[in-house]
């Protein structure tokens, strides 16, 4: 009689292989989860930086468009809740001959930077809620350094690992006309 050799795996070998497979699978899933969290943090941070740069660029363009004597005013917004930039421009509107100026208000409300275009003398308390949101911004600080230099710091707050983090950008704007009025 010929003896047959047993082919197959023992129970111990099967258990060891299964444990190795579980270990490798858990390692792959944990690395994937960590990579996903890092990607989300980077994406959110990039979005916040984009919002700040967009807001600063908008402010820069508006200040350059309004750079004439006594056309840039810094003060309290009409709701009395914060600081606003008021830009006054001359307009030529044949349909409304009594108005030869327009106002653009730039202000922060409810976590966003807003702009509002109005005519002088219009009631502003109700109009502030009708402004156009431009970008996310939680707060800002506006400092008049001199008659020709304005400094704006924009802040965006966010939560990370149960702590509040503030991302900021500060930029100085040169006003050629020296037309800053506070």
Protein backbone atom coordinates (compact mmCIF):
# COMPACT_ATOMS: atom_id res chain seq x y z
CA UNK A 1 0.00 0.00 0.00
CA UNK A 2 1.05 3.40 -0.83
CA UNK A 3 0.81 6.12 1.77
CA UNK A 4 -0.73 9.41 0.78
CA UNK A 5 0.64 12.67 1.96
CA UNK A 6 -1.90 15.01 3.43
CA UNK A 7 -2.22 18.25 1.56
CA UNK A 8 -3.81 21.38 3.04
CA UNK A 9 -3.29 23.78 5.88
CA UNK A 10 -3.50 23.27 9.55
CA UNK A 11 -5.82 25.31 11.73
CA UNK A 12 -2.89 27.24 13.22
CA UNK A 13 -1.68 28.29 9.76
CA UNK A 14 -5.16 29.46 8.78
CA UNK A 15 -5.54 31.52 11.95
CA UNK A 16 -2.13 33.15 11.46
CA UNK A 17 -2.90 34.05 7.85
CA UNK A 18 -6.30 35.49 8.83
CA UNK A 19 -4.69 37.57 11.59
CA UNK A 20 -2.12 38.94 9.13
CA UNK A 21 -4.88 39.82 6.65
CA UNK A 22 -6.88 41.63 9.36
CA UNK A 23 -3.76 43.50 10.46
CA UNK A 24 -2.92 44.61 6.91
CA UNK A 25 -6.55 45.60 6.22
CA UNK A 26 -6.80 47.68 9.42
CA UNK A 27 -3.50 49.38 8.61
CA UNK A 28 -4.69 50.25 5.09
CA UNK A 29 -8.00 51.63 6.38
CA UNK A 30 -6.36 53.70 9.13
CA UNK A 31 -3.87 55.19 6.64
CA UNK A 32 -6.70 55.99 4.23
CA UNK A 33 -8.71 57.69 7.01
CA UNK A 34 -5.69 59.75 8.12
CA UNK A 35 -5.00 60.79 4.53
CA UNK A 36 -8.63 61.77 4.06
CA UNK A 37 -8.60 63.93 7.22
CA UNK A 38 -5.37 65.63 6.12
CA UNK A 39 -6.84 66.28 2.66
CA UNK A 40 -9.99 67.85 4.19
CA UNK A 41 -7.92 70.10 6.47
CA UNK A 42 -5.78 71.25 3.53
CA UNK A 43 -8.83 71.89 1.35
CA UNK A 44 -10.59 73.88 4.09
CA UNK A 45 -7.44 75.89 4.79
CA UNK A 46 -7.05 76.64 1.09
CA UNK A 47 -10.66 77.78 0.89
CA UNK A 48 -10.17 80.14 3.84
CA UNK A 49 -7.03 81.62 2.28
CA UNK A 50 -8.88 82.02 -1.02
CA UNK A 51 -11.69 83.87 0.76
CA UNK A 52 -9.24 86.24 2.45
CA UNK A 53 -7.34 86.91 -0.81
CA UNK A 54 -10.61 87.47 -2.69
CA UNK A 55 -11.84 89.93 -0.07
CA UNK A 56 -8.52 91.81 -0.03
CA UNK A 57 -8.46 91.97 -3.81
CA UNK A 58 -12.00 93.34 -3.87
CA UNK A 59 -11.13 96.00 -1.29
CA UNK A 60 -8.02 96.94 -3.29
CA UNK A 61 -9.98 97.37 -6.52
CA UNK A 62 -12.72 99.39 -4.86
CA UNK A 63 -10.24 101.68 -3.11
CA UNK A 64 -8.38 102.29 -6.37
CA UNK A 65 -11.63 103.08 -8.18
CA UNK A 66 -12.58 105.58 -5.46
CA UNK A 67 -9.18 107.17 -4.96
CA UNK A 68 -10.16 110.81 -5.06
CA UNK A 69 -10.19 113.50 -2.43
CA UNK A 70 -12.68 112.92 0.41
CA UNK A 71 -14.24 109.88 -1.28
CA UNK A 72 -13.03 107.19 1.13
CA UNK A 73 -14.63 107.23 4.59
CA UNK A 74 -13.97 104.87 7.49
CA UNK A 75 -16.51 104.74 10.26
CA UNK A 76 -19.33 102.84 11.89
CA UNK A 77 -21.66 100.99 9.58
CA UNK A 78 -25.24 102.29 9.53
CA UNK A 79 -26.49 99.47 11.76
CA UNK A 80 -23.98 100.53 14.42
CA UNK A 81 -22.60 96.99 14.70
CA UNK A 82 -19.13 97.43 13.27
CA UNK A 83 -16.70 99.31 11.10
CA UNK A 84 -17.43 100.02 7.46
CA UNK A 85 -15.70 101.56 4.48
CA UNK A 86 -17.90 104.03 2.61
CA UNK A 87 -16.80 104.96 -0.91
CA UNK A 88 -18.43 107.92 -2.62
CA UNK A 89 -18.27 108.20 -6.40
CA UNK A 90 -19.55 110.72 -8.87
CA UNK A 91 -22.06 109.28 -11.31
CA UNK A 92 -23.79 110.55 -14.40
CA UNK A 93 -27.30 109.15 -14.50
CA UNK A 94 -29.66 110.93 -16.92
CA UNK A 95 -32.67 109.02 -15.55
CA UNK A 96 -32.13 110.35 -12.01
CA UNK A 97 -30.86 113.92 -12.49
CA UNK A 98 -31.07 114.84 -8.77
CA UNK A 99 -28.42 112.29 -7.80
CA UNK A 100 -24.88 112.82 -8.99
CA UNK A 101 -23.15 110.56 -6.48
CA UNK A 102 -23.32 106.93 -5.42
CA UNK A 103 -22.14 105.23 -2.27
CA UNK A 104 -20.59 101.80 -1.90
CA UNK A 105 -20.55 100.41 1.61
CA UNK A 106 -18.15 97.57 2.47
CA UNK A 107 -18.85 95.91 5.81
CA UNK A 108 -18.78 92.61 7.70
CA UNK A 109 -21.97 91.03 8.92
CA UNK A 110 -22.85 87.44 9.92
CA UNK A 111 -19.42 86.03 9.00
CA UNK A 112 -19.27 87.53 5.51
CA UNK A 113 -17.81 90.58 3.80
CA UNK A 114 -20.61 92.52 2.09
CA UNK A 115 -20.93 95.34 -0.39
CA UNK A 116 -23.95 97.59 -0.77
CA UNK A 117 -24.46 100.16 -3.53
CA UNK A 118 -26.82 103.00 -2.65
CA UNK A 119 -27.57 106.60 -3.41
CA UNK A 120 -26.78 109.23 -0.76
CA UNK A 121 -29.61 109.94 1.63
CA UNK A 122 -31.34 106.58 1.30
CA UNK A 123 -32.40 104.90 4.56
CA UNK A 124 -29.59 102.50 5.40
CA UNK A 125 -30.85 100.51 8.40
CA UNK A 126 -33.00 98.20 6.27
CA UNK A 127 -30.74 98.30 3.22
CA UNK A 128 -27.76 96.73 5.03
CA UNK A 129 -29.44 93.32 4.96
CA UNK A 130 -29.79 93.61 1.17
CA UNK A 131 -26.03 93.84 0.54
CA UNK A 132 -24.22 91.33 -1.63
CA UNK A 133 -22.03 88.80 0.21
CA UNK A 134 -18.53 88.65 -1.30
CA UNK A 135 -16.44 86.28 0.79
CA UNK A 136 -16.26 84.70 4.22
CA UNK A 137 -14.77 86.99 6.86
CA UNK A 138 -15.56 87.00 10.56
CA UNK A 139 -13.99 90.29 11.56
CA UNK A 140 -11.66 92.99 10.41
CA UNK A 141 -9.58 95.81 11.75
CA UNK A 142 -9.16 99.00 9.74
CA UNK A 143 -6.46 101.44 10.76
CA UNK A 144 -5.75 104.79 9.20
CA UNK A 145 -1.99 105.04 9.48
CA UNK A 146 -1.78 108.43 7.75
CA UNK A 147 -3.77 110.51 5.26
CA UNK A 148 -2.31 108.34 2.53
CA UNK A 149 -2.05 104.90 4.13
CA UNK A 150 -4.83 102.53 5.16
CA UNK A 151 -4.22 99.14 6.80
CA UNK A 152 -6.84 96.38 6.70
CA UNK A 153 -6.62 93.08 8.60
CA UNK A 154 -9.20 90.41 7.73
CA UNK A 155 -9.85 87.46 10.05
CA UNK A 156 -11.55 84.10 9.52
CA UNK A 157 -12.18 81.85 12.54
CA UNK A 158 -12.48 78.08 12.45
CA UNK A 159 -12.43 75.13 14.81
CA UNK A 160 -9.62 72.59 14.73
CA UNK A 161 -9.22 69.85 17.31
CA UNK A 162 -11.56 71.59 19.79
CA UNK A 163 -9.75 74.91 19.64
CA UNK A 164 -10.52 78.12 17.79
CA UNK A 165 -7.97 79.22 15.22
CA UNK A 166 -7.94 82.61 13.51
CA UNK A 167 -6.40 82.98 10.08
CA UNK A 168 -5.56 86.58 9.20
CA UNK A 169 -4.21 88.66 6.37
CA UNK A 170 -3.03 92.24 6.71
CA UNK A 171 -2.51 94.58 3.81
CA UNK A 172 -1.68 98.25 3.51
CA UNK A 173 -3.31 100.37 0.82
CA UNK A 174 -1.73 103.54 -0.44
CA UNK A 175 -4.28 106.24 -1.18
CA UNK A 176 -2.73 108.56 -3.75
CA UNK A 177 -5.11 111.44 -3.21
CA UNK A 178 -4.73 111.45 0.56
CA UNK A 179 -8.50 111.35 0.67
CA UNK A 180 -9.05 109.28 3.80
CA UNK A 181 -11.75 110.61 6.06
CA UNK A 182 -12.69 109.00 9.35
